[in-house]
């Protein structure tokens, strides 16, 4: 259920921008171009966001940290393993 909340909220936001934005454009010679720019911006931003968001739900490769870095971090944070247990 927690996956659907941001998905619906962000989609609704970009729908409001994509549909409501062109309605607020004042009359003029470039009204059609400005409306098209607003709609395309909303579509591109939503597409970029949804691709990144959905990719994070099921990553192909997890983070890879060398053991040496993990040991250094644990030493800096104060929860280092005893020295006789660490292979050098």
PDB file of N, CA and C in Angstrom:
ATOM      1  N   UNK A   1       0.814  -1.197   0.000  1.00  0.00           N
ATOM      2  CA  UNK A   1       0.000   0.000   0.000  1.00  0.00           C
ATOM      3  C   UNK A   1       0.855   1.258   0.000  1.00  0.00           C
ATOM      4  N   UNK A   2       2.006   1.207   0.671  1.00  0.00           N
ATOM      5  CA  UNK A   2       2.836   2.406   0.767  1.00  0.00           C
ATOM      6  C   UNK A   2       3.435   2.797  -0.580  1.00  0.00           C
ATOM      7  N   UNK A   3       3.471   1.879  -1.522  1.00  0.00           N
ATOM      8  CA  UNK A   3       3.991   2.204  -2.854  1.00  0.00           C
ATOM      9  C   UNK A   3       3.004   3.085  -3.614  1.00  0.00           C
ATOM     10  N   UNK A   4       1.725   2.877  -3.386  1.00  0.00           N
ATOM     11  CA  UNK A   4       0.698   3.585  -4.156  1.00  0.00           C
ATOM     12  C   UNK A   4       0.521   5.041  -3.743  1.00  0.00           C
ATOM     13  N   UNK A   5       0.792   5.366  -2.494  1.00  0.00           N
ATOM     14  CA  UNK A   5       0.550   6.736  -2.019  1.00  0.00           C
ATOM     15  C   UNK A   5       1.391   7.758  -2.780  1.00  0.00           C
ATOM     16  N   UNK A   6       2.732   7.616  -2.835  1.00  0.00           N
ATOM     17  CA  UNK A   6       3.500   8.603  -3.614  1.00  0.00           C
ATOM     18  C   UNK A   6       3.212   8.521  -5.108  1.00  0.00           C
ATOM     19  N   UNK A   7       2.933   7.331  -5.598  1.00  0.00           N
ATOM     20  CA  UNK A   7       2.644   7.167  -7.018  1.00  0.00           C
ATOM     21  C   UNK A   7       1.395   7.958  -7.414  1.00  0.00           C
ATOM     22  N   UNK A   8       0.343   7.830  -6.633  1.00  0.00           N
ATOM     23  CA  UNK A   8      -0.904   8.545  -6.921  1.00  0.00           C
ATOM     24  C   UNK A   8      -0.744  10.042  -6.674  1.00  0.00           C
ATOM     25  N   UNK A   9      -0.051  10.413  -5.596  1.00  0.00           N
ATOM     26  CA  UNK A   9       0.102  11.830  -5.257  1.00  0.00           C
ATOM     27  C   UNK A   9       0.897  12.583  -6.323  1.00  0.00           C
ATOM     28  N   UNK A  10       2.015  12.018  -6.740  1.00  0.00           N
ATOM     29  CA  UNK A  10       2.848  12.703  -7.742  1.00  0.00           C
ATOM     30  C   UNK A  10       2.160  12.700  -9.103  1.00  0.00           C
ATOM     31  N   UNK A  11       1.489  11.619  -9.438  1.00  0.00           N
ATOM     32  CA  UNK A  11       0.754  11.586 -10.699  1.00  0.00           C
ATOM     33  C   UNK A  11      -0.359  12.632 -10.705  1.00  0.00           C
ATOM     34  N   UNK A  12      -1.056  12.771  -9.591  1.00  0.00           N
ATOM     35  CA  UNK A  12      -2.104  13.794  -9.504  1.00  0.00           C
ATOM     36  C   UNK A  12      -1.515  15.196  -9.632  1.00  0.00           C
ATOM     37  N   UNK A  13      -0.365  15.416  -9.001  1.00  0.00           N
ATOM     38  CA  UNK A  13       0.291  16.725  -9.097  1.00  0.00           C
ATOM     39  C   UNK A  13       0.615  17.067 -10.545  1.00  0.00           C
ATOM     40  N   UNK A  14       1.234  16.129 -11.268  1.00  0.00           N
ATOM     41  CA  UNK A  14       1.616  16.423 -12.657  1.00  0.00           C
ATOM     42  C   UNK A  14       0.399  16.480 -13.574  1.00  0.00           C
ATOM     43  N   UNK A  15      -0.675  15.775 -13.232  1.00  0.00           N
ATOM     44  CA  UNK A  15      -1.915  15.919 -13.999  1.00  0.00           C
ATOM     45  C   UNK A  15      -2.502  17.317 -13.827  1.00  0.00           C
ATOM     46  N   UNK A  16      -2.456  17.817 -12.600  1.00  0.00           N
ATOM     47  CA  UNK A  16      -2.959  19.174 -12.358  1.00  0.00           C
ATOM     48  C   UNK A  16      -2.132  20.194 -13.129  1.00  0.00           C
ATOM     49  N   UNK A  17      -0.812  20.034 -13.108  1.00  0.00           N
ATOM     50  CA  UNK A  17       0.060  20.957 -13.851  1.00  0.00           C
ATOM     51  C   UNK A  17      -0.188  20.821 -15.355  1.00  0.00           C
ATOM     52  N   UNK A  18      -0.260  19.583 -15.836  1.00  0.00           N
ATOM     53  CA  UNK A  18      -0.416  19.353 -17.275  1.00  0.00           C
ATOM     54  C   UNK A  18      -1.767  19.757 -17.828  1.00  0.00           C
ATOM     55  N   UNK A  19      -2.813  19.663 -17.010  1.00  0.00           N
ATOM     56  CA  UNK A  19      -4.151  20.030 -17.483  1.00  0.00           C
ATOM     57  C   UNK A  19      -4.506  21.464 -17.089  1.00  0.00           C
ATOM     58  N   UNK A  20      -4.166  21.841 -15.853  1.00  0.00           N
ATOM     59  CA  UNK A  20      -4.524  23.171 -15.373  1.00  0.00           C
ATOM     60  C   UNK A  20      -3.607  24.271 -15.864  1.00  0.00           C
ATOM     61  N   UNK A  21      -2.350  23.942 -16.086  1.00  0.00           N
ATOM     62  CA  UNK A  21      -1.392  24.955 -16.540  1.00  0.00           C
ATOM     63  C   UNK A  21      -1.765  25.616 -17.852  1.00  0.00           C
ATOM     64  N   UNK A  22      -2.101  24.842 -18.869  1.00  0.00           N
ATOM     65  CA  UNK A  22      -2.470  25.459 -20.149  1.00  0.00           C
ATOM     66  C   UNK A  22      -3.727  26.326 -20.079  1.00  0.00           C
ATOM     67  N   UNK A  23      -4.590  26.070 -19.120  1.00  0.00           N
ATOM     68  CA  UNK A  23      -5.802  26.883 -18.993  1.00  0.00           C
ATOM     69  C   UNK A  23      -5.504  28.285 -18.457  1.00  0.00           C
ATOM     70  N   UNK A  24      -4.354  28.454 -17.818  1.00  0.00           N
ATOM     71  CA  UNK A  24      -3.998  29.741 -17.218  1.00  0.00           C
ATOM     72  C   UNK A  24      -3.180  30.636 -18.141  1.00  0.00           C
ATOM     73  N   UNK A  25      -2.867  30.145 -19.334  1.00  0.00           N
ATOM     74  CA  UNK A  25      -2.055  30.932 -20.269  1.00  0.00           C
ATOM     75  C   UNK A  25      -2.911  32.053 -20.863  1.00  0.00           C
ATOM     76  N   UNK A  26      -2.408  33.301 -20.808  1.00  0.00           N
ATOM     77  CA  UNK A  26      -3.186  34.415 -21.373  1.00  0.00           C
ATOM     78  C   UNK A  26      -3.204  34.367 -22.898  1.00  0.00           C
ATOM     79  N   UNK A  27      -4.160  35.066 -23.474  1.00  0.00           N
ATOM     80  CA  UNK A  27      -4.265  35.119 -24.935  1.00  0.00           C
ATOM     81  C   UNK A  27      -3.049  35.822 -25.512  1.00  0.00           C
ATOM     82  N   UNK A  28      -2.690  35.396 -26.683  1.00  0.00           N
ATOM     83  CA  UNK A  28      -1.562  36.012 -27.362  1.00  0.00           C
ATOM     84  C   UNK A  28      -1.173  35.189 -28.562  1.00  0.00           C
ATOM     85  N   UNK A  29      -0.209  35.671 -29.331  1.00  0.00           N
ATOM     86  CA  UNK A  29       0.176  34.950 -30.546  1.00  0.00           C
ATOM     87  C   UNK A  29       0.871  33.616 -30.257  1.00  0.00           C
ATOM     88  N   UNK A  30       1.447  33.467 -29.064  1.00  0.00           N
ATOM     89  CA  UNK A  30       2.189  32.242 -28.741  1.00  0.00           C
ATOM     90  C   UNK A  30       1.455  31.357 -27.739  1.00  0.00           C
ATOM     91  N   UNK A  31       0.171  31.535 -27.601  1.00  0.00           N
ATOM     92  CA  UNK A  31      -0.591  30.781 -26.605  1.00  0.00           C
ATOM     93  C   UNK A  31      -0.483  29.270 -26.827  1.00  0.00           C
ATOM     94  N   UNK A  32      -0.626  28.825 -28.060  1.00  0.00           N
ATOM     95  CA  UNK A  32      -0.554  27.391 -28.364  1.00  0.00           C
ATOM     96  C   UNK A  32       0.811  26.801 -28.053  1.00  0.00           C
ATOM     97  N   UNK A  33       1.860  27.545 -28.344  1.00  0.00           N
ATOM     98  CA  UNK A  33       3.217  27.051 -28.083  1.00  0.00           C
ATOM     99  C   UNK A  33       3.474  26.979 -26.583  1.00  0.00           C
ATOM    100  N   UNK A  34       3.030  27.983 -25.849  1.00  0.00           N
ATOM    101  CA  UNK A  34       3.226  27.983 -24.396  1.00  0.00           C
ATOM    102  C   UNK A  34       2.439  26.839 -23.755  1.00  0.00           C
ATOM    103  N   UNK A  35       1.225  26.596 -24.226  1.00  0.00           N
ATOM    104  CA  UNK A  35       0.437  25.480 -23.703  1.00  0.00           C
ATOM    105  C   UNK A  35       1.127  24.149 -23.982  1.00  0.00           C
ATOM    106  N   UNK A  36       1.655  24.019 -25.189  1.00  0.00           N
ATOM    107  CA  UNK A  36       2.369  22.790 -25.546  1.00  0.00           C
ATOM    108  C   UNK A  36       3.604  22.606 -24.675  1.00  0.00           C
ATOM    109  N   UNK A  37       4.323  23.696 -24.416  1.00  0.00           N
ATOM    110  CA  UNK A  37       5.513  23.619 -23.568  1.00  0.00           C
ATOM    111  C   UNK A  37       5.156  23.176 -22.152  1.00  0.00           C
ATOM    112  N   UNK A  38       4.062  23.678 -21.618  1.00  0.00           N
ATOM    113  CA  UNK A  38       3.646  23.309 -20.259  1.00  0.00           C
ATOM    114  C   UNK A  38       3.264  21.833 -20.193  1.00  0.00           C
ATOM    115  N   UNK A  39       2.506  21.373 -21.175  1.00  0.00           N
ATOM    116  CA  UNK A  39       2.092  19.966 -21.192  1.00  0.00           C
ATOM    117  C   UNK A  39       3.305  19.054 -21.363  1.00  0.00           C
ATOM    118  N   UNK A  40       4.201  19.383 -22.277  1.00  0.00           N
ATOM    119  CA  UNK A  40       5.394  18.553 -22.488  1.00  0.00           C
ATOM    120  C   UNK A  40       6.304  18.549 -21.263  1.00  0.00           C
ATOM    121  N   UNK A  41       6.407  19.680 -20.588  1.00  0.00           N
ATOM    122  CA  UNK A  41       7.199  19.732 -19.359  1.00  0.00           C
ATOM    123  C   UNK A  41       6.607  18.816 -18.301  1.00  0.00           C
ATOM    124  N   UNK A  42       5.300  18.858 -18.132  1.00  0.00           N
ATOM    125  CA  UNK A  42       4.646  17.997 -17.148  1.00  0.00           C
ATOM    126  C   UNK A  42       4.824  16.521 -17.501  1.00  0.00           C
ATOM    127  N   UNK A  43       4.671  16.186 -18.765  1.00  0.00           N
ATOM    128  CA  UNK A  43       4.824  14.785 -19.194  1.00  0.00           C
ATOM    129  C   UNK A  43       6.257  14.308 -18.977  1.00  0.00           C
ATOM    130  N   UNK A  44       7.234  15.110 -19.368  1.00  0.00           N
ATOM    131  CA  UNK A  44       8.642  14.714 -19.222  1.00  0.00           C
ATOM    132  C   UNK A  44       9.044  14.590 -17.755  1.00  0.00           C
ATOM    133  N   UNK A  45       8.622  15.546 -16.929  1.00  0.00           N
ATOM    134  CA  UNK A  45       8.956  15.477 -15.504  1.00  0.00           C
ATOM    135  C   UNK A  45       8.315  14.259 -14.850  1.00  0.00           C
ATOM    136  N   UNK A  46       7.058  13.990 -15.181  1.00  0.00           N
ATOM    137  CA  UNK A  46       6.393  12.820 -14.605  1.00  0.00           C
ATOM    138  C   UNK A  46       7.049  11.533 -15.094  1.00  0.00           C
ATOM    139  N   UNK A  47       7.373  11.455 -16.356  1.00  0.00           N
ATOM    140  CA  UNK A  47       8.022  10.263 -16.897  1.00  0.00           C
ATOM    141  C   UNK A  47       9.373  10.023 -16.233  1.00  0.00           C
ATOM    142  N   UNK A  48      10.165  11.077 -16.081  1.00  0.00           N
ATOM    143  CA  UNK A  48      11.466  10.942 -15.423  1.00  0.00           C
ATOM    144  C   UNK A  48      11.277  10.475 -13.985  1.00  0.00           C
ATOM    145  N   UNK A  49      10.345  11.088 -13.257  1.00  0.00           N
ATOM    146  CA  UNK A  49      10.133  10.719 -11.868  1.00  0.00           C
ATOM    147  C   UNK A  49       9.666   9.272 -11.743  1.00  0.00           C
ATOM    148  N   UNK A  50       8.722   8.864 -12.569  1.00  0.00           N
ATOM    149  CA  UNK A  50       8.168   7.517 -12.429  1.00  0.00           C
ATOM    150  C   UNK A  50       9.198   6.443 -12.789  1.00  0.00           C
ATOM    151  N   UNK A  51      10.053   6.715 -13.767  1.00  0.00           N
ATOM    152  CA  UNK A  51      11.102   5.746 -14.119  1.00  0.00           C
ATOM    153  C   UNK A  51      12.077   5.580 -12.957  1.00  0.00           C
ATOM    154  N   UNK A  52      12.505   6.679 -12.369  1.00  0.00           N
ATOM    155  CA  UNK A  52      13.438   6.609 -11.240  1.00  0.00           C
ATOM    156  C   UNK A  52      12.779   5.943 -10.036  1.00  0.00           C
ATOM    157  N   UNK A  53      11.548   6.319  -9.733  1.00  0.00           N
ATOM    158  CA  UNK A  53      10.848   5.764  -8.573  1.00  0.00           C
ATOM    159  C   UNK A  53      10.636   4.256  -8.727  1.00  0.00           C
ATOM    160  N   UNK A  54      10.162   3.829  -9.870  1.00  0.00           N
ATOM    161  CA  UNK A  54       9.911   2.404 -10.069  1.00  0.00           C
ATOM    162  C   UNK A  54      11.207   1.602 -10.137  1.00  0.00           C
ATOM    163  N   UNK A  55      12.264   2.207 -10.626  1.00  0.00           N
ATOM    164  CA  UNK A  55      13.552   1.508 -10.665  1.00  0.00           C
ATOM    165  C   UNK A  55      14.067   1.251  -9.251  1.00  0.00           C
ATOM    166  N   UNK A  56      13.797   2.141  -8.328  1.00  0.00           N
ATOM    167  CA  UNK A  56      14.265   1.966  -6.958  1.00  0.00           C
ATOM    168  C   UNK A  56      13.483   0.893  -6.210  1.00  0.00           C
ATOM    169  N   UNK A  57      12.316   0.527  -6.694  1.00  0.00           N
ATOM    170  CA  UNK A  57      11.535  -0.505  -6.019  1.00  0.00           C
ATOM    171  C   UNK A  57      12.160  -1.886  -6.173  1.00  0.00           C
ATOM    172  N   UNK A  58      12.803  -2.132  -7.298  1.00  0.00           N
ATOM    173  CA  UNK A  58      13.412  -3.428  -7.554  1.00  0.00           C
ATOM    174  C   UNK A  58      14.761  -3.221  -8.243  1.00  0.00           C
ATOM    175  N   UNK A  59      15.783  -2.826  -7.489  1.00  0.00           N
ATOM    176  CA  UNK A  59      17.078  -2.554  -8.124  1.00  0.00           C
ATOM    177  C   UNK A  59      17.724  -3.838  -8.641  1.00  0.00           C
ATOM    178  N   UNK A  60      18.427  -3.719  -9.748  1.00  0.00           N
ATOM    179  CA  UNK A  60      19.117  -4.871 -10.313  1.00  0.00           C
ATOM    180  C   UNK A  60      20.406  -5.171  -9.566  1.00  0.00           C
ATOM    181  N   UNK A  61      21.081  -4.132  -9.112  1.00  0.00           N
ATOM    182  CA  UNK A  61      22.355  -4.286  -8.418  1.00  0.00           C
ATOM    183  C   UNK A  61      22.280  -3.506  -7.117  1.00  0.00           C
ATOM    184  N   UNK A  62      22.619  -4.162  -6.022  1.00  0.00           N
ATOM    185  CA  UNK A  62      22.626  -3.478  -4.736  1.00  0.00           C
ATOM    186  C   UNK A  62      23.925  -2.712  -4.546  1.00  0.00           C
ATOM    187  N   UNK A  63      23.998  -1.926  -3.489  1.00  0.00           N
ATOM    188  CA  UNK A  63      25.229  -1.178  -3.236  1.00  0.00           C
ATOM    189  C   UNK A  63      26.379  -2.124  -2.916  1.00  0.00           C
ATOM    190  N   UNK A  64      27.543  -1.803  -3.426  1.00  0.00           N
ATOM    191  CA  UNK A  64      28.721  -2.634  -3.209  1.00  0.00           C
ATOM    192  C   UNK A  64      29.787  -1.788  -2.523  1.00  0.00           C
ATOM    193  N   UNK A  65      30.108  -2.154  -1.286  1.00  0.00           N
ATOM    194  CA  UNK A  65      31.098  -1.419  -0.508  1.00  0.00           C
ATOM    195  C   UNK A  65      32.227  -2.383  -0.165  1.00  0.00           C
ATOM    196  N   UNK A  66      33.478  -1.985  -0.413  1.00  0.00           N
ATOM    197  CA  UNK A  66      34.604  -2.852  -0.043  1.00  0.00           C
ATOM    198  C   UNK A  66      34.651  -3.080   1.471  1.00  0.00           C
ATOM    199  N   UNK A  67      35.169  -4.241   1.873  1.00  0.00           N
ATOM    200  CA  UNK A  67      35.250  -4.596   3.289  1.00  0.00           C
ATOM    201  C   UNK A  67      36.104  -3.580   4.044  1.00  0.00           C
ATOM    202  N   UNK A  68      37.152  -3.113   3.414  1.00  0.00           N
ATOM    203  CA  UNK A  68      38.040  -2.141   4.062  1.00  0.00           C
ATOM    204  C   UNK A  68      37.272  -0.860   4.426  1.00  0.00           C
ATOM    205  N   UNK A  69      36.400  -0.424   3.549  1.00  0.00           N
ATOM    206  CA  UNK A  69      35.596   0.770   3.822  1.00  0.00           C
ATOM    207  C   UNK A  69      34.622   0.515   4.964  1.00  0.00           C
ATOM    208  N   UNK A  70      34.014  -0.649   4.996  1.00  0.00           N
ATOM    209  CA  UNK A  70      33.088  -0.990   6.077  1.00  0.00           C
ATOM    210  C   UNK A  70      33.811  -1.010   7.417  1.00  0.00           C
ATOM    211  N   UNK A  71      35.008  -1.597   7.444  1.00  0.00           N
ATOM    212  CA  UNK A  71      35.777  -1.625   8.685  1.00  0.00           C
ATOM    213  C   UNK A  71      36.170  -0.222   9.127  1.00  0.00           C
ATOM    214  N   UNK A  72      36.551   0.632   8.178  1.00  0.00           N
ATOM    215  CA  UNK A  72      36.917   2.007   8.517  1.00  0.00           C
ATOM    216  C   UNK A  72      35.716   2.758   9.091  1.00  0.00           C
ATOM    217  N   UNK A  73      34.548   2.577   8.459  1.00  0.00           N
ATOM    218  CA  UNK A  73      33.339   3.232   8.955  1.00  0.00           C
ATOM    219  C   UNK A  73      32.983   2.764  10.363  1.00  0.00           C
ATOM    220  N   UNK A  74      33.064   1.468  10.596  1.00  0.00           N
ATOM    221  CA  UNK A  74      32.720   0.962  11.926  1.00  0.00           C
ATOM    222  C   UNK A  74      33.713   1.455  12.972  1.00  0.00           C
ATOM    223  N   UNK A  75      34.975   1.620  12.585  1.00  0.00           N
ATOM    224  CA  UNK A  75      35.971   2.171  13.515  1.00  0.00           C
ATOM    225  C   UNK A  75      35.661   3.636  13.827  1.00  0.00           C
ATOM    226  N   UNK A  76      35.302   4.403  12.813  1.00  0.00           N
ATOM    227  CA  UNK A  76      34.992   5.820  13.009  1.00  0.00           C
ATOM    228  C   UNK A  76      33.721   6.012  13.832  1.00  0.00           C
ATOM    229  N   UNK A  77      32.769   5.121  13.686  1.00  0.00           N
ATOM    230  CA  UNK A  77      31.503   5.241  14.400  1.00  0.00           C
ATOM    231  C   UNK A  77      31.570   4.652  15.807  1.00  0.00           C
ATOM    232  N   UNK A  78      32.678   3.996  16.118  1.00  0.00           N
ATOM    233  CA  UNK A  78      32.859   3.485  17.468  1.00  0.00           C
ATOM    234  C   UNK A  78      32.305   2.101  17.712  1.00  0.00           C
ATOM    235  N   UNK A  79      31.974   1.363  16.695  1.00  0.00           N
ATOM    236  CA  UNK A  79      31.483   0.001  16.885  1.00  0.00           C
ATOM    237  C   UNK A  79      32.345  -0.989  16.108  1.00  0.00           C
ATOM    238  N   UNK A  80      33.653  -0.780  16.165  1.00  0.00           N
ATOM    239  CA  UNK A  80      34.592  -1.630  15.426  1.00  0.00           C
ATOM    240  C   UNK A  80      34.701  -2.995  16.103  1.00  0.00           C
ATOM    241  N   UNK A  81      34.880  -4.058  15.307  1.00  0.00           N
ATOM    242  CA  UNK A  81      35.087  -5.382  15.891  1.00  0.00           C
ATOM    243  C   UNK A  81      36.474  -5.436  16.541  1.00  0.00           C
ATOM    244  N   UNK A  82      36.684  -6.366  17.461  1.00  0.00           N
ATOM    245  CA  UNK A  82      38.008  -6.498  18.079  1.00  0.00           C
ATOM    246  C   UNK A  82      39.086  -6.741  17.023  1.00  0.00           C
ATOM    247  N   UNK A  83      40.273  -6.220  17.263  1.00  0.00           N
ATOM    248  CA  UNK A  83      41.359  -6.275  16.281  1.00  0.00           C
ATOM    249  C   UNK A  83      41.764  -7.706  15.942  1.00  0.00           C
ATOM    250  N   UNK A  84      41.665  -8.644  16.890  1.00  0.00           N
ATOM    251  CA  UNK A  84      42.093 -10.014  16.607  1.00  0.00           C
ATOM    252  C   UNK A  84      41.107 -10.750  15.687  1.00  0.00           C
ATOM    253  N   UNK A  85      39.916 -10.215  15.469  1.00  0.00           N
ATOM    254  CA  UNK A  85      38.947 -10.841  14.573  1.00  0.00           C
ATOM    255  C   UNK A  85      39.052 -10.338  13.141  1.00  0.00           C
ATOM    256  N   UNK A  86      39.788  -9.261  12.926  1.00  0.00           N
ATOM    257  CA  UNK A  86      39.880  -8.649  11.608  1.00  0.00           C
ATOM    258  C   UNK A  86      41.097  -9.199  10.875  1.00  0.00           C
ATOM    259  N   UNK A  87      40.874  -9.753   9.661  1.00  0.00           N
ATOM    260  CA  UNK A  87      41.989 -10.220   8.835  1.00  0.00           C
ATOM    261  C   UNK A  87      42.625  -9.029   8.151  1.00  0.00           C
ATOM    262  N   UNK A  88      43.928  -8.972   8.153  1.00  0.00           N
ATOM    263  CA  UNK A  88      44.614  -7.857   7.496  1.00  0.00           C
ATOM    264  C   UNK A  88      45.340  -8.341   6.285  1.00  0.00           C
TER     265      UNK A  88
END
